[in-house]
Protein backbone atom coordinates (compact mmCIF):
# COMPACT_ATOMS: atom_id res chain seq x y z
CA UNK A 1 70.60 20.41 146.56
CA UNK A 2 68.80 23.58 145.59
CA UNK A 3 65.84 23.97 147.89
CA UNK A 4 65.05 22.06 151.15
CA UNK A 5 61.28 22.01 152.18
CA UNK A 6 60.41 20.94 155.78
CA UNK A 7 57.21 19.85 156.41
CA UNK A 8 54.90 17.70 153.84
CA UNK A 9 51.44 19.13 154.28
CA UNK A 10 49.33 21.72 152.42
CA UNK A 11 52.32 24.44 152.11
CA UNK A 12 54.87 21.67 151.54
CA UNK A 13 52.93 20.43 148.73
CA UNK A 14 52.38 23.98 147.37
CA UNK A 15 55.89 24.55 147.09
CA UNK A 16 56.65 21.36 145.41
CA UNK A 17 54.26 22.01 143.16
CA UNK A 18 55.46 25.35 142.78
CA UNK A 19 59.00 24.35 142.16
CA UNK A 20 58.10 21.84 139.55
CA UNK A 21 56.03 23.93 137.49
CA UNK A 22 59.37 26.55 137.16
CA UNK A 23 61.42 23.43 136.02
CA UNK A 24 63.40 23.27 139.49
CA UNK A 25 63.45 19.33 140.18
CA UNK A 26 66.67 19.98 142.79
CA UNK A 27 64.76 19.55 146.00
CA UNK A 28 63.78 17.62 148.65
CA UNK A 29 60.81 17.69 151.07
CA UNK A 30 61.16 16.47 154.68
CA UNK A 31 58.37 15.60 157.02
CA UNK A 32 58.87 13.51 160.48
CA UNK A 33 55.45 11.62 159.68
CA UNK A 34 55.33 8.31 158.01
CA UNK A 35 53.51 10.37 155.01
CA UNK A 36 52.20 13.42 153.65
CA UNK A 37 49.24 15.38 154.23
CA UNK A 38 50.50 17.01 157.89
CA UNK A 39 48.04 18.14 160.08
CA UNK A 40 45.54 16.12 157.84
CA UNK A 41 47.52 12.76 158.45
CA UNK A 42 48.21 13.27 162.15
CA UNK A 43 44.92 14.26 163.03
CA UNK A 44 42.50 11.10 163.17
CA UNK A 45 40.34 12.12 165.92
CA UNK A 46 36.49 10.70 165.22
CA UNK A 47 34.56 13.66 163.65
CA UNK A 48 37.54 15.22 162.33
CA UNK A 49 36.79 17.69 159.08
CA UNK A 50 36.87 21.04 157.31
CA UNK A 51 35.25 23.77 159.04
CA UNK A 52 34.85 26.10 155.79
CA UNK A 53 33.60 25.37 152.37
CA UNK A 54 35.21 22.39 150.38
CA UNK A 55 34.89 24.86 147.67
CA UNK A 56 37.61 27.15 149.11
CA UNK A 57 39.40 24.80 151.00
CA UNK A 58 41.31 23.44 148.09
CA UNK A 59 44.33 24.52 145.40
CA UNK A 60 43.33 27.31 143.18
CA UNK A 61 45.36 24.85 140.21
CA UNK A 62 43.56 21.50 141.23
CA UNK A 63 39.75 21.54 142.21
CA UNK A 64 38.23 18.48 143.51
CA UNK A 65 34.58 17.22 143.47
CA UNK A 66 34.20 17.04 147.11
CA UNK A 67 31.24 14.71 148.26
CA UNK A 68 30.26 17.26 151.13
CA UNK A 69 29.83 21.27 151.45
CA UNK A 70 32.65 20.43 154.19
CA UNK A 71 34.97 17.56 153.80
CA UNK A 72 35.88 15.38 156.14
CA UNK A 73 39.30 14.24 157.09
CA UNK A 74 39.65 11.24 154.95
CA UNK A 75 38.67 13.15 151.62
CA UNK A 76 40.92 15.73 152.45
CA UNK A 77 43.92 13.31 152.63
CA UNK A 78 42.82 11.51 149.22
CA UNK A 79 42.85 14.84 147.87
CA UNK A 80 46.32 16.10 148.84
CA UNK A 81 47.78 12.57 147.64
CA UNK A 82 46.38 12.98 144.37
CA UNK A 83 47.86 16.58 143.94
CA UNK A 84 51.05 15.09 145.16
CA UNK A 85 50.91 11.90 142.69
CA UNK A 86 49.67 14.08 139.39
CA UNK A 87 52.58 16.66 140.15
CA UNK A 88 55.13 13.83 140.68
CA UNK A 89 56.29 15.05 144.19
CA UNK A 90 56.42 11.26 145.72
CA UNK A 91 60.38 10.93 144.87
CA UNK A 92 60.91 14.29 146.89
CA UNK A 93 59.72 13.50 149.68
CA UNK A 94 62.10 11.97 152.76
CA UNK A 95 59.59 10.66 155.57
CA UNK A 96 60.36 9.72 159.23
CA UNK A 97 62.70 12.59 159.32
CA UNK A 98 62.62 14.85 162.23
CA UNK A 99 64.71 17.99 161.72
CA UNK A 100 66.41 19.34 164.90
CA UNK A 101 68.62 21.98 163.81
CA UNK A 102 69.23 24.44 160.31
CA UNK A 103 72.40 26.37 160.56
CA UNK A 104 73.43 29.05 157.95
CA UNK A 105 76.98 28.80 156.57
CA UNK A 106 78.62 32.34 156.39
CA UNK A 107 81.09 30.97 154.10
CA UNK A 108 79.22 28.74 151.49
CA UNK A 109 75.72 30.70 151.80
CA UNK A 110 74.08 27.65 152.12
CA UNK A 111 71.77 25.89 154.82
CA UNK A 112 73.23 22.92 156.74
CA UNK A 113 70.11 21.20 158.01
CA UNK A 114 70.57 18.39 160.77
CA UNK A 115 68.07 15.60 161.78
CA UNK A 116 67.33 13.81 164.92
CA UNK A 117 69.44 10.86 163.05
CA UNK A 118 72.39 12.57 162.71
CA UNK A 119 71.99 13.38 158.79
CA UNK A 120 72.91 16.63 157.06
CA UNK A 121 71.06 18.13 154.07
CA UNK A 122 72.77 21.16 152.60
CA UNK A 123 71.10 23.25 150.46
CA UNK A 124 71.07 26.71 148.93
CA UNK A 125 67.25 27.80 150.00
CA UNK A 126 65.55 26.48 153.15
CA UNK A 127 61.67 26.71 153.35
CA UNK A 128 59.96 25.77 156.53
CA UNK A 129 56.41 24.37 155.91
CA UNK A 130 55.68 23.36 159.27
CA UNK A 131 52.30 25.09 159.66
CA UNK A 132 50.95 27.01 162.85
CA UNK A 133 49.17 23.65 164.62
CA UNK A 134 51.86 21.35 164.46
CA UNK A 135 52.94 21.05 168.09
CA UNK A 136 49.91 20.32 170.58
CA UNK A 137 49.26 22.37 174.02
CA UNK A 138 49.76 19.04 176.16
CA UNK A 139 48.21 18.82 179.79
CA UNK A 140 50.47 19.42 182.60
CA UNK A 141 47.94 18.85 185.36
CA UNK A 142 49.16 17.77 188.79
CA UNK A 143 48.56 14.22 189.37
CA UNK A 144 48.21 13.40 185.85
CA UNK A 145 50.70 10.58 186.02
CA UNK A 146 48.90 8.93 188.49
CA UNK A 147 45.70 8.91 186.50
CA UNK A 148 45.25 4.62 185.74
CA UNK A 149 43.06 5.22 182.47
CA UNK A 150 44.00 6.50 178.93
CA UNK A 151 45.14 10.14 178.19
CA UNK A 152 45.62 11.42 175.07
CA UNK A 153 45.60 14.56 172.85
CA UNK A 154 43.24 14.77 170.06
CA UNK A 155 45.97 15.01 167.48
CA UNK A 156 47.49 11.77 169.25
CA UNK A 157 44.48 9.89 169.13
CA UNK A 158 44.75 6.47 170.52
CA UNK A 159 42.57 3.98 168.12
CA UNK A 160 43.44 1.05 170.33
CA UNK A 161 41.38 2.44 173.57
CA UNK A 162 37.75 1.46 173.37
CA UNK A 163 35.20 4.40 174.19
CA UNK A 164 32.30 2.50 174.10
CA UNK A 165 30.49 2.31 177.57
CA UNK A 166 33.69 4.60 178.95
CA UNK A 167 33.39 7.50 181.18
CA UNK A 168 35.16 10.09 179.07
CA UNK A 169 36.55 13.78 180.01
CA UNK A 170 37.15 16.31 177.22
CA UNK A 171 39.00 18.87 178.45
CA UNK A 172 38.44 22.16 175.99
CA UNK A 173 35.34 23.25 174.26
CA UNK A 174 37.22 24.44 170.84
CA UNK A 175 37.11 23.51 167.32
CA UNK A 176 38.75 19.72 167.86
CA UNK A 177 36.02 19.12 170.85
CA UNK A 178 33.12 20.71 168.92
CA UNK A 179 34.03 17.52 166.11
CA UNK A 180 34.84 15.03 169.15
CA UNK A 181 31.85 15.30 171.39
CA UNK A 182 29.10 14.74 169.08
CA UNK A 183 31.22 11.76 167.40
CA UNK A 184 31.98 9.93 170.71
CA UNK A 185 28.57 10.62 172.56
CA UNK A 186 26.65 8.38 171.05
CA UNK A 187 29.19 5.26 172.04
CA UNK A 188 30.54 6.58 175.47
CA UNK A 189 28.77 5.68 178.87
CA UNK A 190 29.20 9.28 179.74
CA UNK A 191 30.94 12.43 178.65
CA UNK A 192 32.23 15.17 180.92
CA UNK A 193 33.25 18.32 178.63
CA UNK A 194 35.30 20.62 180.81
CA UNK A 195 35.17 24.45 179.76
CA UNK A 196 37.74 26.67 180.90
CA UNK A 197 35.85 29.73 178.88
CA UNK A 198 33.06 29.26 176.23
CA UNK A 199 33.76 29.95 172.45
CA UNK A 200 31.71 31.63 170.19
CA UNK A 201 29.89 29.10 168.07
CA UNK A 202 27.97 28.94 164.68
CA UNK A 203 25.92 26.72 162.77
CA UNK A 204 27.86 25.26 159.98
CA UNK A 205 25.39 24.12 157.55
CA UNK A 206 27.15 20.91 156.72
CA UNK A 207 25.67 17.91 154.47
CA UNK A 208 26.39 15.73 151.77
CA UNK A 209 25.63 17.27 148.33
CA UNK A 210 22.58 15.90 146.51
CA UNK A 211 22.81 14.23 142.87
CA UNK A 212 22.33 17.57 141.00
CA UNK A 213 25.01 19.34 143.29
CA UNK A 214 27.42 16.17 142.74
CA UNK A 215 26.54 16.26 138.74
CA UNK A 216 27.57 19.86 138.88
CA UNK A 217 30.83 19.37 141.17
CA UNK A 218 31.92 16.90 138.42
CA UNK A 219 32.69 19.47 136.12
CA UNK A 220 35.99 21.18 136.42
CA UNK A 221 34.81 24.26 135.00
CA UNK A 222 31.73 24.45 137.34
CA UNK A 223 33.58 23.73 140.38
CA UNK A 224 36.25 26.94 139.21
CA UNK A 225 33.31 29.12 138.68
CA UNK A 226 31.64 28.25 141.91
CA UNK A 227 34.75 28.58 143.90
CA UNK A 228 35.65 32.03 142.49
CA UNK A 229 31.82 33.02 143.04
CA UNK A 230 32.60 32.13 146.46
CA UNK A 231 35.84 33.87 147.32
CA UNK A 232 34.68 37.11 145.30
CA UNK A 233 31.30 37.32 147.28
CA UNK A 234 33.41 36.70 150.93
CA UNK A 235 36.16 39.61 149.56
CA UNK A 236 33.44 41.99 148.78
CA UNK A 237 32.08 42.11 151.97
CA UNK A 238 35.65 42.46 153.20
CA UNK A 239 36.53 45.55 151.12
CA UNK A 240 32.88 46.87 151.64
CA UNK A 241 33.17 47.31 155.26
CA UNK A 242 35.22 46.76 158.30
CA UNK A 243 35.41 42.77 159.19
CA UNK A 244 33.53 40.96 161.81
CA UNK A 245 36.92 40.56 163.76
CA UNK A 246 37.02 44.68 164.20
CA UNK A 247 35.86 45.07 167.81
CA UNK A 248 32.50 47.05 167.35
CA UNK A 249 32.12 47.15 164.00
CA UNK A 250 28.55 46.89 162.68
CA UNK A 251 29.48 43.24 161.39
CA UNK A 252 31.13 42.30 164.44
CA UNK A 253 27.75 43.16 166.54
CA UNK A 254 25.70 41.52 163.59
CA UNK A 255 27.68 38.26 164.18
CA UNK A 256 27.45 38.68 167.96
CA UNK A 257 23.85 38.89 167.80
CA UNK A 258 23.56 35.76 165.15
CA UNK A 259 25.46 33.99 167.59
CA UNK A 260 23.64 34.75 170.55
CA UNK A 261 20.57 33.84 168.96
CA UNK A 262 21.60 30.59 168.00
CA UNK A 263 22.32 29.93 171.64
CA UNK A 264 18.86 30.85 172.53
CA UNK A 265 17.32 28.95 170.06
CA UNK A 266 19.14 25.93 170.70
CA UNK A 267 19.07 26.29 174.73
CA UNK A 268 15.73 27.65 174.97
CA UNK A 269 14.60 24.85 177.62
CA UNK A 270 18.10 24.59 179.26
CA UNK A 271 18.59 28.00 181.22
CA UNK A 272 21.73 26.56 182.81
CA UNK A 273 23.16 25.55 179.44
CA UNK A 274 22.44 28.93 177.68
CA UNK A 275 24.36 30.96 180.25
CA UNK A 276 27.49 28.65 180.62
CA UNK A 277 28.07 28.87 176.98
CA UNK A 278 27.37 32.52 176.39
CA UNK A 279 30.68 34.22 176.19
CA UNK A 280 31.96 37.28 178.17
CA UNK A 281 34.50 38.32 175.58
CA UNK A 282 33.98 40.17 172.46
CA UNK A 283 32.83 38.23 169.22
CA UNK A 284 35.60 36.43 167.16
CA UNK A 285 38.17 37.03 170.30
CA UNK A 286 38.86 33.58 169.91
CA UNK A 287 38.62 31.33 166.91
CA UNK A 288 34.70 30.81 166.11
CA UNK A 289 33.64 27.34 166.10
CA UNK A 290 31.41 26.36 163.77
CA UNK A 291 29.06 23.50 164.01
CA UNK A 292 25.76 22.10 163.56
CA UNK A 293 26.06 19.19 166.32
CA UNK A 294 27.94 20.46 169.37
CA UNK A 295 25.32 22.38 171.04
CA UNK A 296 22.81 19.63 170.48
CA UNK A 297 25.35 17.24 171.84
CA UNK A 298 25.81 18.85 174.85
CA UNK A 299 21.79 18.40 175.81
CA UNK A 300 22.27 14.57 175.80
CA UNK A 301 21.33 12.74 179.10
CA UNK A 302 24.52 11.53 179.00
CA UNK A 303 26.70 14.78 178.11
CA UNK A 304 28.00 17.05 180.95
CA UNK A 305 29.27 20.77 180.58
CA UNK A 306 31.53 21.42 183.60
CA UNK A 307 31.74 24.95 183.07
CA UNK A 308 35.30 25.01 185.23
CA UNK A 309 38.78 24.21 184.30
CA UNK A 310 40.58 21.13 185.56
CA UNK A 311 43.07 21.60 188.59
CA UNK A 312 44.32 18.25 188.83
CA UNK A 313 44.31 14.49 188.15
CA UNK A 314 43.61 11.54 190.71
CA UNK A 315 44.29 7.88 189.69
CA UNK A 316 40.47 7.62 189.03
CA UNK A 317 39.53 11.03 187.48
CA UNK A 318 39.50 14.76 187.42
CA UNK A 319 39.44 17.55 190.23
CA UNK A 320 37.85 21.20 188.86
CA UNK A 321 38.79 24.41 190.38
CA UNK A 322 35.83 24.32 192.80
CA UNK A 323 37.00 20.96 194.09
CA UNK A 324 34.51 18.78 192.52
CA UNK A 325 35.89 15.22 191.48
CA UNK A 326 34.58 13.46 188.65
CA UNK A 327 35.66 10.07 187.84
CA UNK A 328 36.49 9.07 184.45
CA UNK A 329 37.86 6.11 182.46
CA UNK A 330 39.69 8.12 179.86
CA UNK A 331 40.89 11.63 179.09
CA UNK A 332 40.98 13.71 176.15
CA UNK A 333 42.75 16.76 175.88
CA UNK A 334 41.31 19.04 173.37
CA UNK A 335 43.47 21.30 174.49
CA UNK A 336 44.65 23.21 171.20
CA UNK A 337 48.27 24.04 170.02
CA UNK A 338 51.00 26.29 170.79
CA UNK A 339 50.58 28.19 167.64
CA UNK A 340 52.14 31.25 169.06
CA UNK A 341 55.31 29.42 169.41
CA UNK A 342 56.20 29.12 165.74
CA UNK A 343 59.36 26.89 164.50
CA UNK A 344 59.47 25.63 168.30
CA UNK A 345 60.28 21.88 166.78
CA UNK A 346 63.82 22.89 165.45
CA UNK A 347 66.24 25.70 166.00
CA UNK A 348 67.13 27.97 163.18
CA UNK A 349 70.32 29.69 162.95
CA UNK A 350 71.29 32.57 160.93
CA UNK A 351 73.97 35.07 159.93
CA UNK A 352 76.43 35.59 162.71
CA UNK A 353 75.06 32.73 165.09
CA UNK A 354 71.93 34.68 165.74
CA UNK A 355 69.29 32.02 166.81
CA UNK A 356 65.41 32.82 165.44
CA UNK A 357 64.32 32.12 168.96
CA UNK A 358 66.34 34.82 170.24
CA UNK A 359 65.30 37.03 167.50
CA UNK A 360 61.65 36.10 168.17
CA UNK A 361 62.07 36.29 172.25
CA UNK A 362 59.14 39.10 172.12
CA UNK A 363 57.01 37.34 169.41
CA UNK A 364 57.17 35.85 166.11
CA UNK A 365 57.54 38.33 162.82
CA UNK A 366 58.38 38.41 159.52
CA UNK A 367 58.53 40.48 156.52
CA UNK A 368 54.86 40.39 154.89
CA UNK A 369 54.92 36.77 157.10
CA UNK A 370 57.79 35.44 154.65
CA UNK A 371 61.51 36.30 155.45
CA UNK A 372 63.41 37.40 158.54
CA UNK A 373 66.13 39.77 158.45
CA UNK A 374 69.40 37.89 158.88
CA UNK A 375 68.24 34.86 157.87
CA UNK A 376 68.98 35.15 154.21
CA UNK A 377 67.50 32.24 151.72
CA UNK A 378 65.33 31.34 154.29
CA UNK A 379 61.26 31.23 153.89
CA UNK A 380 58.17 30.19 155.88
CA UNK A 381 55.07 29.45 154.01
CA UNK A 382 52.04 30.30 156.48
CA UNK A 383 54.37 32.08 158.84
CA UNK A 384 53.50 34.80 161.32
CA UNK A 385 50.88 37.13 160.92
CA UNK A 386 49.44 35.09 157.56
CA UNK A 387 45.85 33.54 159.50
CA UNK A 388 42.64 34.68 158.97
CA UNK A 389 40.80 36.31 156.26
CA UNK A 390 37.98 34.03 155.77
CA UNK A 391 37.92 34.66 151.78
CA UNK A 392 40.66 31.93 151.00
CA UNK A 393 42.41 29.00 152.90
CA UNK A 394 45.99 27.89 153.57
CA UNK A 395 45.73 26.39 150.00
CA UNK A 396 45.44 30.38 148.57
CA UNK A 397 48.01 32.00 151.08
CA UNK A 398 50.89 28.99 150.39
CA UNK A 399 50.80 29.29 146.50
CA UNK A 400 51.11 32.83 146.70
CA UNK A 401 53.89 32.42 149.10
CA UNK A 402 55.41 29.61 147.31
CA UNK A 403 55.21 32.22 144.34
CA UNK A 404 57.49 34.58 146.24
CA UNK A 405 60.15 31.67 146.79
CA UNK A 406 60.36 30.89 143.26
CA UNK A 407 60.52 34.56 142.36
CA UNK A 408 63.57 34.85 144.46
CA UNK A 409 65.46 31.80 143.10
CA UNK A 410 64.90 33.10 139.73
CA UNK A 411 66.11 36.62 140.87
CA UNK A 412 69.14 34.97 142.18
CA UNK A 413 69.74 33.06 138.91
CA UNK A 414 69.51 36.38 136.70
CA UNK A 415 71.36 38.71 139.03
CA UNK A 416 74.23 36.20 139.96
CA UNK A 417 73.25 36.27 143.80
CA UNK A 418 74.25 33.49 145.97
CA UNK A 419 71.86 34.48 148.85
CA UNK A 420 68.83 36.81 149.45
CA UNK A 421 68.03 38.75 153.01
CA UNK A 422 65.85 41.16 153.82
CA UNK A 423 66.00 44.71 154.76
CA UNK A 424 65.70 45.09 158.78
CA UNK A 425 63.66 48.90 158.26
CA UNK A 426 61.30 47.11 155.81
CA UNK A 427 60.48 44.30 158.14
CA UNK A 428 60.11 46.70 161.13
CA UNK A 429 57.77 49.21 159.30
CA UNK A 430 55.51 46.49 157.89
CA UNK A 431 55.12 44.82 161.54
CA UNK A 432 54.79 48.20 162.97
CA UNK A 433 52.09 49.12 160.59
CA UNK A 434 50.60 45.71 160.94
CA UNK A 435 50.51 45.57 164.91
CA UNK A 436 48.40 49.08 164.81
CA UNK A 437 45.94 47.64 162.49
CA UNK A 438 45.60 44.31 164.85
CA UNK A 439 45.25 46.40 168.19
CA UNK A 440 41.36 47.19 166.73
CA UNK A 441 40.85 43.89 166.80
CA UNK A 442 38.77 41.60 168.62
CA UNK A 443 41.55 39.25 168.85
CA UNK A 444 43.58 41.83 170.86
CA UNK A 445 41.06 42.20 173.60
CA UNK A 446 40.55 38.61 174.37
CA UNK A 447 42.66 35.66 175.85
CA UNK A 448 43.62 33.36 172.75
CA UNK A 449 46.24 31.36 171.03
CA UNK A 450 46.64 34.03 168.48
CA UNK A 451 48.89 36.01 171.16
CA UNK A 452 52.31 35.49 172.53
CA UNK A 453 53.00 36.14 176.11
CA UNK A 454 54.33 39.46 175.33
CA UNK A 455 50.78 40.34 174.41
CA UNK A 456 52.05 40.59 170.46
CA UNK A 457 49.35 38.78 168.09
CA UNK A 458 51.80 36.64 165.91
CA UNK A 459 49.34 34.47 164.07
CA UNK A 460 46.54 36.83 162.62
CA UNK A 461 46.56 38.92 159.52
CA UNK A 462 44.26 41.88 159.43
CA UNK A 463 43.15 42.70 155.97
CA UNK A 464 41.55 41.62 152.62
CA UNK A 465 42.94 39.01 150.68
CA UNK A 466 43.36 41.67 147.92
CA UNK A 467 45.60 43.93 150.41
CA UNK A 468 47.62 40.73 151.43
CA UNK A 469 48.08 39.82 147.61
CA UNK A 470 49.29 43.46 146.92
CA UNK A 471 51.77 43.28 149.90
CA UNK A 472 53.19 40.03 148.85
CA UNK A 473 53.79 41.11 145.33
CA UNK A 474 55.47 44.58 146.35
CA UNK A 475 57.17 43.05 149.31
CA UNK A 476 59.53 40.85 147.94
CA UNK A 477 61.20 43.50 145.63
CA UNK A 478 60.87 46.63 147.95
CA UNK A 479 61.99 44.93 151.24
CA UNK A 480 64.67 42.32 150.17
CA UNK A 481 68.15 42.55 148.71
CA UNK A 482 70.86 40.29 147.38
CA UNK A 483 74.12 38.96 148.40
CA UNK A 484 77.28 37.24 146.80
CA UNK A 485 79.48 35.21 148.73
CA UNK A 486 82.78 37.28 150.19
CA UNK A 487 80.66 40.25 150.29
CA UNK A 488 77.70 41.98 152.16
CA UNK A 489 76.42 43.76 149.67
C-alpha cells in the first residue's frame, strides 16, 4: 500500500481525512484496540471529559454542535465516529492489530511493519499517530501483588468492580484524578487521595449550554465563527506578551496569584488542606488541572487527602512514606503516562539498521516534531515537542502535520523520489534553538512528565501557533531532501 498509519485516534483520523481529500485511497490505519478514538475510546473512567473548551477541541473542517462547554468522553467519541463515517474511513481501519516492529528496507525504499500476530504490512510511507498519552505509568510498589482487592489504572478501568460502599484509594492528583475523585466520592464509603506533590488547579467553568446557546451552536457558521474568535483571542494573548508557562513572566505571576486565590477561597475553612494543596514549584511547572469540583470533593466527610506518596502495599491496603497503613478495598492508580518515552510500544528501525530508541537515547526529538534524520518516509503526528500552546488543540496540530505528509507524497510523485529524508543539520539546529527557548519555562524548573530522565524537555513546544504554523510550512521544504532507489542523492 502507499501509506500505513499506526493509531486510529484523533491524529490517525486527521491523517485519513487528509489523504482522502488528496485523492489517495491506498492506505490503512492500524490500531490495537477494537475501535477508533484512541484515548477517548480507551479511557472509560468515571468523569472523563475534555479540560479545554469544546469549541477548540474539534477539527477545523468539521465543527460540532456540542452540548457542553467542555465535552464529556462519550460525546467526543461520537464526534470522532461521525467524522470517520462522513469521510468514508471505515474500510481503511484494521482494528485489533498491535504493531511490534517497523523496519526500513534500504533496497526497496519501503517500510515493513510486523504485528504481534506475525502479519507483515508493506508501505511506501509510515505515519505514527499513537499520541503522547498512550502508555500508562503503572504502579510497581513492593507488595502490590499481595493486595487482596482490585487494582486498576484509570486508563484500564474495571467496570466489573462495584465501588458502592467501598473503601477506595486514588493515587495521584493530576487531571485524571481530578475527574475520578468527584465522580466516585458520592458512592464510595471512603476515598483516600494520595498526593506525592500538589498540582496547580484552576476552575474550569464547566456547564451544559442553555437553550439559546444550543440554538446558536446548531448553526455551522456560528460554530465556525465562535471557534475562530476563541482561537484569535488566545493567540493574541500569546503574541502580545510572554505566555504564562514562562517562569517569572507577568502572566505567570498573574496566573500563580489566581490559582492561590482559588485555593484560599475554597479552603478558607480548612487551613490544613490549604497548605497541603499549595505547590512549591512555579505555576504551570506541571500540567495545570482544570476542575470545578476536585477541590470541593476533597472537603467531603468521606474523602481524605493524604499528602504523602505511597511506599508499599499490603494484602489489605497501602502504606505511605511515613509508615501509616491505610486499609482499602480498591486501588485506583491515577499515575498518568510515560509521555516522555515516545513510541515505546514498537521498535522503529531506519537506515543502516539504526534503531529509533537508540537515536533517542537522551530523549526524543524530531525536525519540527514530524521527521527524524535517518528514517525516510517516516512521519509522526503529535510527535516530540508539539504539545502546549492553549490557543489550539491536538486537532489543529494533527491537521497541519498531516498536510506535511501529503505535501511530501506529492513531492515524491512530482520529482520521481522514492523516499524523503531529513537533513541532520536542519534537525539539530531546530532542536538546539527550541531547547534554548524551553530553558526559560516553568517546565524546565519542575519535576514533570514533559522531561526525559536526561533533563531534556521532549513533549512541549514553546511558542505561538503562528510560529508553529510557520515552522511547519518552512521546515518541510528547507529541512528535507529526496532519495531515489539505488542512490543516496
